[in-house]
Amino acid sequence: MAVRKAIYLLDTNIVSEGAKLNPTPSVIEKLDVLVEYCSLSTISWYEIQKGIKRLPAGKKKEFLLAYAKEQIALVYDFVPYTRECADIQADMFQALEAVGKRVPYQDAQIAATALANNLILVTRNVKDFSEIAAYFPLKIENWFA
């Protein structure tokens, strides 16, 4: 697959929306229209795989494994967590710790990936990521709003 020109980095909660019984229409519509401009962090892939592997054997696990393979892995380009991302994340932790704020580790990795690649982070979890955006030029969109 040729690498597309990504504009958006989808958080795990965005790309997982399609696997829900009643997905949010606004999110599904945006995903359909903007799919060629969307990418996924390897950290989100880890979160998806971790969640699936925790499930007991059964139809739900089988469905989610197929969904991850066919609707995520084959559809989106993956943006790796690199040394540059790690440097940004270290700066992020230092800056936020200095003002008494903490951000969940994997959210910080995803934000650092967006920052390193100049991508707009699409998430439902605006609260945690806004903490980062207050100190770093992280661009955030909430397709649930």
C-alpha atoms as a PDB file:
ATOM      1  CA  MET A   1       0.000   0.000   0.000  1.00  0.00           C
ATOM      2  CA  ALA A   2       1.352   3.430  -0.888  1.00  0.00           C
ATOM      3  CA  VAL A   3       1.794   5.805   2.025  1.00  0.00           C
ATOM      4  CA  ARG A   4      -0.837   8.506   1.947  1.00  0.00           C
ATOM      5  CA  LYS A   5      -0.417  12.102   2.965  1.00  0.00           C
ATOM      6  CA  ALA A   6      -1.893  11.925   6.436  1.00  0.00           C
ATOM      7  CA  ILE A   7      -3.457  14.939   8.075  1.00  0.00           C
ATOM      8  CA  TYR A   8      -5.100  13.169  11.010  1.00  0.00           C
ATOM      9  CA  LEU A   9      -3.808  10.797  13.664  1.00  0.00           C
ATOM     10  CA  LEU A  10      -6.741   8.826  15.024  1.00  0.00           C
ATOM     11  CA  ASP A  11      -6.831   8.032  18.714  1.00  0.00           C
ATOM     12  CA  THR A  12      -7.843   4.515  19.674  1.00  0.00           C
ATOM     13  CA  ASN A  13     -11.359   5.611  20.663  1.00  0.00           C
ATOM     14  CA  ILE A  14     -11.993   6.953  17.142  1.00  0.00           C
ATOM     15  CA  VAL A  15     -10.848   3.957  15.137  1.00  0.00           C
ATOM     16  CA  SER A  16     -12.639   1.585  17.538  1.00  0.00           C
ATOM     17  CA  GLU A  17     -15.974   3.327  17.018  1.00  0.00           C
ATOM     18  CA  GLY A  18     -16.795   1.266  13.926  1.00  0.00           C
ATOM     19  CA  ALA A  19     -16.718  -1.938  15.952  1.00  0.00           C
ATOM     20  CA  LYS A  20     -19.565  -0.768  18.201  1.00  0.00           C
ATOM     21  CA  LEU A  21     -23.118  -2.021  17.845  1.00  0.00           C
ATOM     22  CA  ASN A  22     -24.401   1.579  17.616  1.00  0.00           C
ATOM     23  CA  PRO A  23     -21.489   3.724  16.438  1.00  0.00           C
ATOM     24  CA  THR A  24     -21.722   7.505  16.565  1.00  0.00           C
ATOM     25  CA  PRO A  25     -22.889   8.594  13.080  1.00  0.00           C
ATOM     26  CA  SER A  26     -20.733  11.745  12.953  1.00  0.00           C
ATOM     27  CA  VAL A  27     -17.583   9.714  13.595  1.00  0.00           C
ATOM     28  CA  ILE A  28     -18.412   7.055  11.002  1.00  0.00           C
ATOM     29  CA  GLU A  29     -19.248   9.733   8.418  1.00  0.00           C
ATOM     30  CA  LYS A  30     -15.910  11.515   8.987  1.00  0.00           C
ATOM     31  CA  LEU A  31     -14.008   8.229   8.828  1.00  0.00           C
ATOM     32  CA  ASP A  32     -15.692   7.358   5.517  1.00  0.00           C
ATOM     33  CA  VAL A  33     -15.045  10.763   3.955  1.00  0.00           C
ATOM     34  CA  LEU A  34     -11.540  11.365   5.313  1.00  0.00           C
ATOM     35  CA  VAL A  35     -10.103   7.831   5.402  1.00  0.00           C
ATOM     36  CA  GLU A  36      -7.337   8.625   2.900  1.00  0.00           C
ATOM     37  CA  TYR A  37      -6.078  11.414   5.177  1.00  0.00           C
ATOM     38  CA  CYS A  38      -6.132   9.362   8.384  1.00  0.00           C
ATOM     39  CA  SER A  39      -3.373   7.392  10.037  1.00  0.00           C
ATOM     40  CA  LEU A  40      -2.990   5.447  13.250  1.00  0.00           C
ATOM     41  CA  SER A  41      -0.229   5.433  15.824  1.00  0.00           C
ATOM     42  CA  THR A  42       1.500   2.146  16.516  1.00  0.00           C
ATOM     43  CA  ILE A  43       0.635   2.913  20.145  1.00  0.00           C
ATOM     44  CA  SER A  44      -3.082   2.792  19.289  1.00  0.00           C
ATOM     45  CA  TRP A  45      -2.510  -0.529  17.543  1.00  0.00           C
ATOM     46  CA  TYR A  46      -0.922  -1.800  20.766  1.00  0.00           C
ATOM     47  CA  GLU A  47      -3.938  -0.583  22.784  1.00  0.00           C
ATOM     48  CA  ILE A  48      -6.330  -2.333  20.376  1.00  0.00           C
ATOM     49  CA  GLN A  49      -4.374  -5.587  20.454  1.00  0.00           C
ATOM     50  CA  LYS A  50      -4.034  -5.486  24.251  1.00  0.00           C
ATOM     51  CA  GLY A  51      -7.783  -5.002  24.635  1.00  0.00           C
ATOM     52  CA  ILE A  52      -8.616  -7.867  22.291  1.00  0.00           C
ATOM     53  CA  LYS A  53      -6.103 -10.267  23.839  1.00  0.00           C
ATOM     54  CA  ARG A  54      -7.602  -9.652  27.294  1.00  0.00           C
ATOM     55  CA  LEU A  55     -10.976 -10.991  26.161  1.00  0.00           C
ATOM     56  CA  PRO A  56     -11.941 -14.615  26.733  1.00  0.00           C
ATOM     57  CA  ALA A  57     -12.285 -16.821  23.658  1.00  0.00           C
ATOM     58  CA  GLY A  58     -15.632 -16.348  21.968  1.00  0.00           C
ATOM     59  CA  LYS A  59     -17.614 -14.556  19.280  1.00  0.00           C
ATOM     60  CA  LYS A  60     -16.828 -11.040  20.534  1.00  0.00           C
ATOM     61  CA  LYS A  61     -13.086 -11.710  20.486  1.00  0.00           C
ATOM     62  CA  GLU A  62     -13.313 -13.300  17.028  1.00  0.00           C
ATOM     63  CA  PHE A  63     -15.317 -10.332  15.723  1.00  0.00           C
ATOM     64  CA  LEU A  64     -12.840  -7.800  17.127  1.00  0.00           C
ATOM     65  CA  LEU A  65      -9.843  -9.733  15.776  1.00  0.00           C
ATOM     66  CA  ALA A  66     -11.415  -9.710  12.304  1.00  0.00           C
ATOM     67  CA  TYR A  67     -12.375  -6.039  12.637  1.00  0.00           C
ATOM     68  CA  ALA A  68      -8.836  -5.080  13.672  1.00  0.00           C
ATOM     69  CA  LYS A  69      -7.343  -6.993  10.768  1.00  0.00           C
ATOM     70  CA  GLU A  70      -9.800  -6.009   8.029  1.00  0.00           C
ATOM     71  CA  GLN A  71     -11.057  -2.572   9.083  1.00  0.00           C
ATOM     72  CA  ILE A  72      -7.970  -1.175  10.768  1.00  0.00           C
ATOM     73  CA  ALA A  73      -4.734  -2.893   9.735  1.00  0.00           C
ATOM     74  CA  LEU A  74      -5.651  -3.057   6.047  1.00  0.00           C
ATOM     75  CA  VAL A  75      -7.179   0.430   5.904  1.00  0.00           C
ATOM     76  CA  TYR A  76      -4.844   2.774   7.789  1.00  0.00           C
ATOM     77  CA  ASP A  77      -1.190   3.646   7.502  1.00  0.00           C
ATOM     78  CA  PHE A  78       0.640   3.305  10.801  1.00  0.00           C
ATOM     79  CA  VAL A  79       2.855   6.053  12.180  1.00  0.00           C
ATOM     80  CA  PRO A  80       5.641   4.633  14.342  1.00  0.00           C
ATOM     81  CA  TYR A  81       6.717   5.882  17.743  1.00  0.00           C
ATOM     82  CA  THR A  82      10.257   7.062  16.979  1.00  0.00           C
ATOM     83  CA  ARG A  83      13.210   8.560  18.820  1.00  0.00           C
ATOM     84  CA  GLU A  84      11.879  12.021  17.923  1.00  0.00           C
ATOM     85  CA  CYS A  85       8.554  11.067  19.517  1.00  0.00           C
ATOM     86  CA  ALA A  86      10.412   9.905  22.632  1.00  0.00           C
ATOM     87  CA  ASP A  87      12.283  13.227  22.837  1.00  0.00           C
ATOM     88  CA  ILE A  88       9.011  15.156  22.555  1.00  0.00           C
ATOM     89  CA  GLN A  89       7.366  12.933  25.153  1.00  0.00           C
ATOM     90  CA  ALA A  90      10.271  13.500  27.576  1.00  0.00           C
ATOM     91  CA  ASP A  91       9.932  17.277  27.090  1.00  0.00           C
ATOM     92  CA  MET A  92       6.188  16.905  27.610  1.00  0.00           C
ATOM     93  CA  PHE A  93       6.565  15.045  30.904  1.00  0.00           C
ATOM     94  CA  GLN A  94       9.144  17.551  32.149  1.00  0.00           C
ATOM     95  CA  ALA A  95       6.982  20.572  31.271  1.00  0.00           C
ATOM     96  CA  LEU A  96       3.780  19.108  32.695  1.00  0.00           C
ATOM     97  CA  GLU A  97       5.426  17.739  35.831  1.00  0.00           C
ATOM     98  CA  ALA A  98       6.854  21.223  36.519  1.00  0.00           C
ATOM     99  CA  VAL A  99       3.278  22.539  36.808  1.00  0.00           C
ATOM    100  CA  GLY A 100       1.945  19.539  38.720  1.00  0.00           C
ATOM    101  CA  LYS A 101       0.111  17.881  35.829  1.00  0.00           C
ATOM    102  CA  ARG A 102       0.245  14.282  34.632  1.00  0.00           C
ATOM    103  CA  VAL A 103      -0.937  12.711  31.412  1.00  0.00           C
ATOM    104  CA  PRO A 104      -1.498   8.967  30.931  1.00  0.00           C
ATOM    105  CA  TYR A 105       1.657   7.435  29.455  1.00  0.00           C
ATOM    106  CA  GLN A 106       0.125   6.047  26.250  1.00  0.00           C
ATOM    107  CA  ASP A 107      -1.830   9.243  25.629  1.00  0.00           C
ATOM    108  CA  ALA A 108       1.470  11.116  25.886  1.00  0.00           C
ATOM    109  CA  GLN A 109       3.010   8.717  23.356  1.00  0.00           C
ATOM    110  CA  ILE A 110       0.132   9.283  20.938  1.00  0.00           C
ATOM    111  CA  ALA A 111       0.325  13.062  21.404  1.00  0.00           C
ATOM    112  CA  ALA A 112       4.100  12.988  20.853  1.00  0.00           C
ATOM    113  CA  THR A 113       3.553  10.998  17.647  1.00  0.00           C
ATOM    114  CA  ALA A 114       1.062  13.615  16.421  1.00  0.00           C
ATOM    115  CA  LEU A 115       3.436  16.446  17.301  1.00  0.00           C
ATOM    116  CA  ALA A 116       6.480  14.805  15.700  1.00  0.00           C
ATOM    117  CA  ASN A 117       4.562  14.270  12.459  1.00  0.00           C
ATOM    118  CA  ASN A 118       2.572  17.542  12.476  1.00  0.00           C
ATOM    119  CA  LEU A 119      -0.743  15.675  12.526  1.00  0.00           C
ATOM    120  CA  ILE A 120      -4.101  16.694  13.955  1.00  0.00           C
ATOM    121  CA  LEU A 121      -5.015  14.330  16.776  1.00  0.00           C
ATOM    122  CA  VAL A 122      -8.613  13.149  16.551  1.00  0.00           C
ATOM    123  CA  THR A 123      -9.948  11.957  19.893  1.00  0.00           C
ATOM    124  CA  ARG A 124     -12.939  11.833  22.169  1.00  0.00           C
ATOM    125  CA  ASN A 125     -10.552  12.241  25.111  1.00  0.00           C
ATOM    126  CA  VAL A 126     -10.126  15.988  24.695  1.00  0.00           C
ATOM    127  CA  LYS A 127      -9.648  16.615  28.439  1.00  0.00           C
ATOM    128  CA  ASP A 128      -6.325  14.754  28.819  1.00  0.00           C
ATOM    129  CA  PHE A 129      -4.947  15.912  25.500  1.00  0.00           C
ATOM    130  CA  SER A 130      -5.901  19.532  26.220  1.00  0.00           C
ATOM    131  CA  GLU A 131      -3.461  19.422  29.136  1.00  0.00           C
ATOM    132  CA  ILE A 132      -0.717  18.773  26.591  1.00  0.00           C
ATOM    133  CA  ALA A 133      -2.051  21.314  24.085  1.00  0.00           C
ATOM    134  CA  ALA A 134      -1.818  24.018  26.759  1.00  0.00           C
ATOM    135  CA  TYR A 135       1.990  23.696  26.624  1.00  0.00           C
ATOM    136  CA  PHE A 136       2.705  22.214  23.181  1.00  0.00           C
ATOM    137  CA  PRO A 137       1.320  22.997  19.700  1.00  0.00           C
ATOM    138  CA  LEU A 138      -0.895  19.890  19.642  1.00  0.00           C
ATOM    139  CA  LYS A 139      -3.890  20.279  17.328  1.00  0.00           C
ATOM    140  CA  ILE A 140      -6.969  18.371  18.494  1.00  0.00           C
ATOM    141  CA  GLU A 141     -10.340  17.573  16.904  1.00  0.00           C
ATOM    142  CA  ASN A 142     -13.283  15.790  18.500  1.00  0.00           C
ATOM    143  CA  TRP A 143     -15.463  14.106  15.876  1.00  0.00           C
ATOM    144  CA  PHE A 144     -17.988  13.186  18.570  1.00  0.00           C
ATOM    145  CA  ALA A 145     -18.871  16.843  19.126  1.00  0.00           C
END
